[in-house]
Amino acid sequence: MGSGWETLQQRKSNHVLVKIVGLLLLVGLSWCLLFTSSDESLPVEDSSAAVAERSGFGDEAPRKEKCDLFTGEWIPNPEGPAYTNETCKFIESPQNCMTNGRPDTDYLFWRWKPHGCDLPPFDAKKFLNAMRNKNWALIGDSILRNHVQSLICLLSKAEEAVMVYHDDEYRSRRWHFPSHNFTLSLIWSPFLIKAEIFENYEGEAKSENKLHVDTLDEKWTSLYNSLDYVVISVGQWFLKAAIYLEDGKIVGCHYCPKLNLTELGIEYAYSKVSDLVFQYIATMEHKPIVIYRTWTPDHFEHGEWFSGGVCNRTAPYKRDEYSGKGMDHAMRKVELEQFDRAVARYGSENRAHLKLLDTYQLSLLRPDAHPGPYRTFHPFNGDKNKKVQNDCLHWCLPGVIDTWNELIMKIILE
């Protein structure tokens, strides 16, 4: 398959033709049911109850559902993505699934349909005009880096970004959009706290990470007062083996069987850090808009990233078909409880500044949208049976993360 836009357009045409044929078949089937089925086969009572249950009104007459941006379903989108690997140069290799030779493109033809409303496409001109002279930062781990690529690709339809800063490993970066004096920063802080990390870029660790769970990371707090908008999200790094410190003293650990330390568990550290972050946001005199994005599920099956796990599905899950893993629920529970507690504790003034971006369900339903083996260029190289490492945590671009940015735009501008 070609990796360019021409091939994608051909797939669009095929999608449209298939949907037209499917619609005609569905209409024909409906007429057959109408004239051949008895009343008992399609009870009005059951149909009404189902509508009432979905709308949340019990025995009341069905009414229009209240808009819930964060629950819904993925529906076909023949228009396809807003950009491609050929129209955006900011897609990095591990997420550039089209260039890397992924043979299917169905994952590109879906859009998120929230319950009770629609989610408009991202409007780059509108966004940049609203953010003129503003300073943004996305703070977190490699999924935030994935997120930034999507945002820059979407914005490049109106103006192309200019990189004005990067650290030695290109983990923290800054871009500027000159025509709008808009600045966008990526701040690498996978724990949001002071951390001593003992692993390389490929995730190979030589020792347990050391986490100071009572001290925030100065890489982002030192810049906080200069920011107008902040997007924060972490989580996956807390699954790694770690030693926990408070007041500079070791208090316990997570997964350190060779050490004579108390096992405190992942939720302990994640809860402590979340509480510390929200306390900082609420008590600082400077009040940027802070968008807190929820836990991102992975879709490894038959193993993990280091033990042969794969993600080879080619279609979204249907609603309620999959609810996630036990760890997804545990980490999500922590962050939602801490967010609700922060909103309740710090009053109405902070409610206007602290926003929840709950991308969990819409991401959970997309096992088809990860790079899988196509995290590298043509990984099989003619050998379909070759064993390669899969990435079932990050996301192909274009893809699911574009919807995250559509949600952000709706939340902050509407």
Protein backbone atom coordinates (compact mmCIF):
# COMPACT_ATOMS: atom_id res chain seq x y z
CA MET A 1 0.00 0.00 0.00
CA GLY A 2 1.22 3.50 -0.77
CA SER A 3 1.72 5.72 2.26
CA GLY A 4 0.37 8.92 0.76
CA TRP A 5 -2.81 10.88 0.48
CA GLU A 6 -3.81 9.45 -2.93
CA THR A 7 -4.16 5.95 -1.46
CA LEU A 8 -6.13 7.34 1.45
CA GLN A 9 -8.53 9.09 -0.91
CA GLN A 10 -9.10 5.81 -2.74
CA ARG A 11 -9.94 4.16 0.57
CA LYS A 12 -12.38 7.00 1.29
CA SER A 13 -14.21 6.29 -1.98
CA ASN A 14 -14.38 2.60 -1.15
CA HIS A 15 -15.76 3.41 2.30
CA VAL A 16 -18.48 5.59 0.82
CA LEU A 17 -19.49 2.90 -1.70
CA VAL A 18 -19.61 0.20 0.97
CA LYS A 19 -21.75 2.38 3.24
CA ILE A 20 -24.22 3.17 0.41
CA VAL A 21 -24.63 -0.54 -0.38
CA GLY A 22 -25.01 -1.31 3.33
CA LEU A 23 -27.66 1.37 3.70
CA LEU A 24 -29.69 -0.01 0.80
CA LEU A 25 -29.54 -3.50 2.28
CA LEU A 26 -30.61 -2.16 5.66
CA VAL A 27 -33.60 -0.34 4.14
CA GLY A 28 -34.64 -3.51 2.32
CA LEU A 29 -34.37 -5.56 5.49
CA SER A 30 -36.44 -3.01 7.40
CA TRP A 31 -39.28 -3.22 4.84
CA CYS A 32 -39.18 -7.02 5.04
CA LEU A 33 -39.48 -6.91 8.82
CA LEU A 34 -42.32 -4.40 8.60
CA PHE A 35 -44.51 -6.63 6.42
CA THR A 36 -43.53 -10.08 7.72
CA SER A 37 -43.10 -9.67 11.49
CA SER A 38 -45.93 -9.95 13.98
CA ASP A 39 -46.49 -7.31 16.66
CA GLU A 40 -45.03 -9.67 19.26
CA SER A 41 -41.67 -9.76 17.51
CA LEU A 42 -41.13 -6.01 17.99
CA PRO A 43 -42.86 -4.99 21.25
CA VAL A 44 -43.39 -1.26 21.58
CA GLU A 45 -42.96 -1.48 25.36
CA ASP A 46 -39.43 -2.89 25.11
CA SER A 47 -38.36 -0.36 22.52
CA SER A 48 -39.61 2.57 24.62
CA ALA A 49 -38.00 1.22 27.76
CA ALA A 50 -34.68 0.92 26.00
CA VAL A 51 -34.84 4.55 24.86
CA ALA A 52 -35.85 5.71 28.33
CA GLU A 53 -33.06 3.75 29.97
CA ARG A 54 -30.42 5.20 27.62
CA SER A 55 -31.68 8.72 28.21
CA GLY A 56 -31.75 8.26 31.98
CA PHE A 57 -35.39 9.26 32.53
CA GLY A 58 -36.92 5.94 33.66
CA ASP A 59 -40.62 5.78 32.90
CA GLU A 60 -40.82 9.36 31.67
CA ALA A 61 -41.38 10.15 28.02
CA PRO A 62 -38.10 10.10 26.06
CA ARG A 63 -36.42 13.49 25.89
CA LYS A 64 -33.26 14.76 24.28
CA GLU A 65 -30.24 13.46 26.15
CA LYS A 66 -28.00 15.86 28.01
CA CYS A 67 -24.69 16.35 26.23
CA ASP A 68 -21.89 14.23 27.71
CA LEU A 69 -18.69 14.81 25.78
CA PHE A 70 -16.85 11.96 27.47
CA THR A 71 -19.24 9.06 26.86
CA GLY A 72 -20.46 7.93 23.48
CA GLU A 73 -19.38 5.77 20.58
CA TRP A 74 -17.16 5.79 17.51
CA ILE A 75 -19.09 6.11 14.26
CA PRO A 76 -17.90 5.85 10.64
CA ASN A 77 -16.36 8.98 9.19
CA PRO A 78 -15.93 8.72 5.39
CA GLU A 79 -14.22 12.13 5.35
CA GLY A 80 -11.14 10.71 7.03
CA PRO A 81 -8.53 12.62 9.05
CA ALA A 82 -7.76 16.32 9.03
CA TYR A 83 -4.14 15.68 8.02
CA THR A 84 -1.89 12.84 6.86
CA ASN A 85 1.74 11.82 7.03
CA GLU A 86 2.29 13.84 3.84
CA THR A 87 0.57 17.05 4.94
CA CYS A 88 2.16 17.22 8.41
CA LYS A 89 5.91 16.91 8.94
CA PHE A 90 5.67 16.89 12.74
CA ILE A 91 4.62 13.24 13.12
CA GLU A 92 7.52 11.41 14.74
CA SER A 93 8.60 8.04 13.44
CA PRO A 94 7.21 5.81 16.26
CA GLN A 95 3.69 7.20 15.63
CA ASN A 96 3.93 7.52 11.85
CA CYS A 97 2.06 4.30 11.11
CA MET A 98 1.31 5.13 7.46
CA THR A 99 4.94 5.79 6.58
CA ASN A 100 6.04 2.76 8.58
CA GLY A 101 3.98 0.50 6.33
CA ARG A 102 0.79 -0.28 8.24
CA PRO A 103 -1.26 -2.07 5.55
CA ASP A 104 -4.78 -1.17 6.75
CA THR A 105 -6.26 2.33 6.96
CA ASP A 106 -9.71 1.67 8.45
CA TYR A 107 -8.55 3.13 11.78
CA LEU A 108 -8.48 6.56 10.12
CA PHE A 109 -12.20 6.62 9.24
CA TRP A 110 -13.92 7.03 12.59
CA ARG A 111 -15.11 10.00 14.60
CA TRP A 112 -16.24 10.34 18.20
CA LYS A 113 -19.98 10.83 18.71
CA PRO A 114 -20.71 12.01 22.28
CA HIS A 115 -24.06 11.22 23.88
CA GLY A 116 -26.61 13.96 23.29
CA CYS A 117 -24.50 16.19 21.05
CA ASP A 118 -21.88 16.35 18.33
CA LEU A 119 -18.20 17.20 18.56
CA PRO A 120 -17.13 19.72 15.89
CA PRO A 121 -13.89 19.18 13.98
CA PHE A 122 -10.84 21.06 15.22
CA ASP A 123 -10.77 24.59 13.82
CA ALA A 124 -7.12 25.69 13.65
CA LYS A 125 -7.83 29.31 12.69
CA LYS A 126 -10.39 29.75 15.45
CA PHE A 127 -8.07 28.19 18.02
CA LEU A 128 -5.04 30.28 17.11
CA ASN A 129 -7.06 33.49 16.99
CA ALA A 130 -8.41 32.77 20.47
CA MET A 131 -4.93 31.94 21.75
CA ARG A 132 -3.14 34.96 20.37
CA ASN A 133 -0.37 36.08 22.77
CA LYS A 134 -0.98 33.04 24.99
CA ASN A 135 1.46 30.56 26.47
CA TRP A 136 0.57 26.86 26.70
CA ALA A 137 2.37 23.89 28.25
CA LEU A 138 1.63 20.18 28.14
CA ILE A 139 3.26 18.52 31.13
CA GLY A 140 3.75 14.79 31.50
CA ASP A 141 5.20 11.74 29.79
CA SER A 142 5.61 10.35 26.24
CA ILE A 143 1.85 10.20 25.72
CA LEU A 144 1.84 13.98 26.14
CA ARG A 145 4.56 14.09 23.47
CA ASN A 146 2.21 12.05 21.28
CA HIS A 147 -0.53 14.55 22.15
CA VAL A 148 1.59 17.57 21.21
CA GLN A 149 2.35 16.12 17.78
CA SER A 150 -1.37 15.89 17.09
CA LEU A 151 -2.01 19.46 18.22
CA ILE A 152 0.80 20.87 16.08
CA CYS A 153 -0.38 18.90 13.04
CA LEU A 154 -3.92 20.24 13.49
CA LEU A 155 -2.67 23.80 13.97
CA SER A 156 -0.35 23.57 10.94
CA LYS A 157 -3.43 23.86 8.71
CA ALA A 158 -3.51 27.53 9.77
CA GLU A 159 0.14 28.23 10.66
CA GLU A 160 3.26 26.10 10.87
CA ALA A 161 5.10 25.94 14.18
CA VAL A 162 8.73 26.94 14.65
CA MET A 163 10.76 25.02 17.23
CA VAL A 164 12.57 27.52 19.48
CA TYR A 165 13.90 25.21 22.22
CA HIS A 166 14.69 21.57 22.98
CA ASP A 167 16.65 19.75 25.64
CA ASP A 168 19.47 17.35 24.81
CA GLU A 169 17.16 14.36 24.29
CA TYR A 170 14.33 16.37 22.69
CA ARG A 171 12.01 15.30 25.49
CA SER A 172 11.18 18.88 26.49
CA ARG A 173 10.55 21.29 23.62
CA ARG A 174 8.98 24.62 22.76
CA TRP A 175 7.34 25.87 19.57
CA HIS A 176 6.25 29.33 18.51
CA PHE A 177 3.56 30.40 16.07
CA PRO A 178 4.87 33.84 15.02
CA SER A 179 1.75 35.24 13.34
CA HIS A 180 -0.28 34.71 16.51
CA ASN A 181 2.52 35.04 19.09
CA PHE A 182 1.32 31.71 20.47
CA THR A 183 3.79 29.53 22.37
CA LEU A 184 3.37 25.80 22.95
CA SER A 185 5.70 23.89 25.28
CA LEU A 186 6.15 20.21 26.01
CA ILE A 187 7.62 19.66 29.49
CA TRP A 188 8.94 16.16 30.17
CA SER A 189 7.95 15.25 33.74
CA PRO A 190 6.65 11.65 33.78
CA PHE A 191 5.91 11.68 37.53
CA LEU A 192 5.25 15.44 38.04
CA ILE A 193 7.48 15.16 41.12
CA LYS A 194 11.22 15.13 41.78
CA ALA A 195 12.42 11.77 40.50
CA GLU A 196 15.70 9.96 39.98
CA ILE A 197 15.15 7.81 36.90
CA PHE A 198 17.42 4.87 36.08
CA GLU A 199 16.38 3.72 32.64
CA ASN A 200 17.28 4.50 29.07
CA TYR A 201 15.17 5.80 26.20
CA GLU A 202 14.07 2.24 25.33
CA GLY A 203 12.63 1.63 28.81
CA GLU A 204 15.43 -0.64 30.02
CA ALA A 205 16.01 -0.04 33.75
CA LYS A 206 19.22 -0.68 35.69
CA SER A 207 17.64 0.11 39.08
CA GLU A 208 14.38 1.14 40.72
CA ASN A 209 13.35 4.76 40.15
CA LYS A 210 13.47 6.96 43.25
CA LEU A 211 10.39 9.14 43.70
CA HIS A 212 10.21 12.04 46.14
CA VAL A 213 6.44 11.91 46.57
CA ASP A 214 6.32 15.14 48.60
CA THR A 215 8.28 17.36 46.19
CA LEU A 216 7.02 18.65 42.85
CA ASP A 217 9.28 18.73 39.80
CA GLU A 218 10.85 22.16 39.32
CA LYS A 219 10.98 21.63 35.57
CA TRP A 220 7.32 22.63 35.43
CA THR A 221 6.73 24.54 38.67
CA SER A 222 9.50 27.01 37.75
CA LEU A 223 7.56 27.93 34.58
CA TYR A 224 4.06 27.78 36.03
CA ASN A 225 3.64 31.53 36.60
CA SER A 226 4.32 32.25 32.92
CA LEU A 227 1.60 29.90 31.62
CA ASP A 228 -1.93 30.77 30.50
CA TYR A 229 -3.04 27.20 29.81
CA VAL A 230 -1.72 23.92 31.20
CA VAL A 231 -2.50 20.33 30.22
CA ILE A 232 -1.37 17.77 32.79
CA SER A 233 -1.44 14.00 32.54
CA VAL A 234 0.73 11.18 33.83
CA GLY A 235 0.13 7.67 35.13
CA GLN A 236 1.87 4.91 33.18
CA TRP A 237 5.30 5.54 34.71
CA PHE A 238 3.90 4.81 38.17
CA LEU A 239 3.61 1.16 37.13
CA LYS A 240 7.40 0.88 37.09
CA ALA A 241 9.46 -0.41 40.03
CA ALA A 242 10.16 2.49 42.36
CA ILE A 243 11.40 3.47 45.81
CA TYR A 244 9.33 6.14 47.58
CA LEU A 245 10.85 8.93 49.65
CA GLU A 246 9.33 11.59 51.93
CA ASP A 247 11.43 14.29 53.59
CA GLY A 248 14.39 12.67 51.87
CA LYS A 249 13.86 9.36 53.69
CA ILE A 250 12.75 6.05 52.20
CA VAL A 251 9.24 5.12 53.32
CA GLY A 252 8.54 2.13 51.08
CA CYS A 253 8.42 1.01 47.49
CA HIS A 254 6.54 -0.57 44.64
CA TYR A 255 7.72 -3.91 43.29
CA CYS A 256 11.10 -4.21 45.02
CA PRO A 257 11.19 -7.86 46.17
CA LYS A 258 14.98 -7.87 46.54
CA LEU A 259 14.91 -4.94 48.95
CA ASN A 260 13.84 -5.08 52.57
CA LEU A 261 11.23 -2.37 52.15
CA THR A 262 7.50 -2.06 52.75
CA GLU A 263 5.41 -2.58 49.62
CA LEU A 264 3.13 0.48 49.48
CA GLY A 265 1.65 -0.10 46.04
CA ILE A 266 1.06 2.06 43.00
CA GLU A 267 -2.11 3.72 44.29
CA TYR A 268 -0.22 5.10 47.31
CA ALA A 269 2.21 7.12 45.21
CA TYR A 270 -0.33 8.11 42.55
CA SER A 271 -2.73 9.39 45.19
CA LYS A 272 -0.03 11.33 47.04
CA VAL A 273 1.25 12.96 43.87
CA SER A 274 -2.23 13.80 42.55
CA ASP A 275 -3.15 15.45 45.85
CA LEU A 276 0.11 17.41 45.86
CA VAL A 277 -0.43 18.66 42.31
CA PHE A 278 -4.02 19.77 42.92
CA GLN A 279 -3.03 21.47 46.18
CA TYR A 280 -0.34 23.40 44.32
CA ILE A 281 -2.74 24.47 41.56
CA ALA A 282 -5.37 25.60 44.05
CA THR A 283 -3.11 27.54 46.38
CA MET A 284 -0.98 29.35 43.80
CA GLU A 285 -1.87 32.99 43.29
CA HIS A 286 -1.38 32.63 39.53
CA LYS A 287 -4.45 30.99 37.99
CA PRO A 288 -3.96 29.57 34.49
CA ILE A 289 -6.59 27.29 32.98
CA VAL A 290 -5.47 23.79 34.01
CA ILE A 291 -6.80 20.84 32.01
CA TYR A 292 -6.31 17.51 33.77
CA ARG A 293 -6.44 14.57 31.35
CA THR A 294 -7.34 11.16 32.72
CA TRP A 295 -5.58 7.81 32.53
CA THR A 296 -4.76 6.36 29.12
CA PRO A 297 -5.42 2.61 28.77
CA ASP A 298 -3.19 0.34 26.77
CA HIS A 299 -4.46 -2.56 24.62
CA PHE A 300 -1.76 -5.21 24.94
CA GLU A 301 -3.13 -8.70 24.48
CA HIS A 302 -1.39 -12.06 25.02
CA GLY A 303 1.41 -10.39 26.97
CA GLU A 304 2.92 -6.99 27.78
CA TRP A 305 5.29 -4.80 25.76
CA PHE A 306 8.27 -6.80 27.00
CA SER A 307 6.70 -10.27 26.72
CA GLY A 308 5.22 -10.51 23.25
CA GLY A 309 2.01 -8.52 23.76
CA VAL A 310 0.19 -7.47 20.59
CA CYS A 311 -2.65 -5.21 19.47
CA ASN A 312 -3.76 -6.43 16.06
CA ARG A 313 -7.45 -5.52 16.09
CA THR A 314 -8.64 -3.45 13.14
CA ALA A 315 -11.94 -1.99 14.42
CA PRO A 316 -13.12 -0.11 17.51
CA TYR A 317 -14.86 -1.89 20.34
CA LYS A 318 -18.58 -1.35 20.49
CA ARG A 319 -20.07 0.43 23.46
CA ASP A 320 -19.86 -1.72 26.63
CA GLU A 321 -17.92 -4.42 24.76
CA TYR A 322 -14.74 -3.83 26.78
CA SER A 323 -14.29 -2.13 30.16
CA GLY A 324 -10.52 -2.23 30.59
CA LYS A 325 -8.05 -3.97 32.87
CA GLY A 326 -7.99 -3.99 36.65
CA MET A 327 -5.12 -1.51 36.75
CA ASP A 328 -7.06 0.88 34.49
CA HIS A 329 -9.90 0.96 37.01
CA ALA A 330 -7.58 1.35 40.01
CA MET A 331 -5.63 4.29 38.57
CA ARG A 332 -8.72 5.98 37.16
CA LYS A 333 -10.43 5.68 40.55
CA VAL A 334 -7.52 7.47 42.21
CA GLU A 335 -7.44 10.39 39.81
CA LEU A 336 -11.22 10.96 39.72
CA GLU A 337 -11.42 10.86 43.51
CA GLN A 338 -8.53 13.30 43.83
CA PHE A 339 -9.99 15.62 41.19
CA ASP A 340 -13.43 15.67 42.86
CA ARG A 341 -11.81 16.23 46.25
CA ALA A 342 -9.77 19.14 44.88
CA VAL A 343 -12.82 20.80 43.35
CA ALA A 344 -14.79 20.39 46.59
CA ARG A 345 -11.92 21.43 48.85
CA TYR A 346 -10.72 24.54 47.09
CA GLY A 347 -13.99 26.24 46.27
CA SER A 348 -15.78 27.84 43.36
CA GLU A 349 -12.89 30.11 42.37
CA ASN A 350 -10.78 27.11 41.39
CA ARG A 351 -13.64 25.35 39.60
CA ALA A 352 -13.36 27.98 36.88
CA HIS A 353 -9.68 27.21 36.38
CA LEU A 354 -9.50 23.44 36.81
CA LYS A 355 -11.03 21.39 33.97
CA LEU A 356 -11.37 17.62 33.61
CA LEU A 357 -10.56 16.10 30.22
CA ASP A 358 -11.87 12.55 30.58
CA THR A 359 -10.53 10.75 27.52
CA TYR A 360 -10.67 7.29 29.11
CA GLN A 361 -13.74 5.77 27.45
CA LEU A 362 -13.16 7.11 23.97
CA SER A 363 -9.56 5.83 24.11
CA LEU A 364 -10.56 2.51 25.67
CA LEU A 365 -12.81 1.73 22.70
CA ARG A 366 -9.97 2.06 20.16
CA PRO A 367 -7.71 -1.01 20.30
CA ASP A 368 -7.21 -0.62 16.55
CA ALA A 369 -5.49 2.77 16.70
CA HIS A 370 -2.06 1.92 18.16
CA PRO A 371 1.14 1.53 16.14
CA GLY A 372 1.49 -2.11 17.18
CA PRO A 373 4.46 -3.48 15.22
CA TYR A 374 4.52 -0.36 13.02
CA ARG A 375 6.38 1.67 15.61
CA THR A 376 9.38 1.16 13.31
CA PHE A 377 9.80 1.44 9.55
CA HIS A 378 8.50 -1.67 7.76
CA PRO A 379 9.16 -3.91 10.77
CA PHE A 380 8.59 -7.26 9.07
CA ASN A 381 10.72 -6.47 6.03
CA GLY A 382 9.07 -9.19 3.94
CA ASP A 383 8.91 -11.76 6.77
CA LYS A 384 5.34 -11.81 8.17
CA ASN A 385 6.34 -14.34 10.84
CA LYS A 386 9.13 -12.19 12.23
CA LYS A 387 8.73 -11.44 15.95
CA VAL A 388 8.79 -7.72 16.63
CA GLN A 389 7.99 -5.56 19.64
CA ASN A 390 4.55 -3.94 19.62
CA ASP A 391 3.50 -0.51 20.89
CA CYS A 392 -0.05 -0.78 22.19
CA LEU A 393 0.12 2.29 24.45
CA HIS A 394 0.91 5.23 22.18
CA TRP A 395 -1.26 6.15 19.19
CA CYS A 396 -0.91 6.35 15.43
CA LEU A 397 -1.16 9.83 13.95
CA PRO A 398 -3.52 10.89 12.62
CA GLY A 399 -5.77 9.12 15.07
CA VAL A 400 -7.49 9.05 18.44
CA ILE A 401 -5.48 11.88 19.98
CA ASP A 402 -6.89 14.31 17.42
CA THR A 403 -10.20 13.83 19.22
CA TRP A 404 -8.56 14.77 22.52
CA ASN A 405 -7.68 18.13 20.96
CA GLU A 406 -11.19 18.56 19.59
CA LEU A 407 -12.47 18.09 23.14
CA ILE A 408 -9.97 20.58 24.52
CA MET A 409 -11.06 23.18 21.99
CA LYS A 410 -14.73 22.70 22.84
CA ILE A 411 -14.08 22.83 26.59
CA ILE A 412 -12.04 26.03 26.58
CA LEU A 413 -13.75 27.98 23.79
CA GLU A 414 -17.41 27.05 24.24
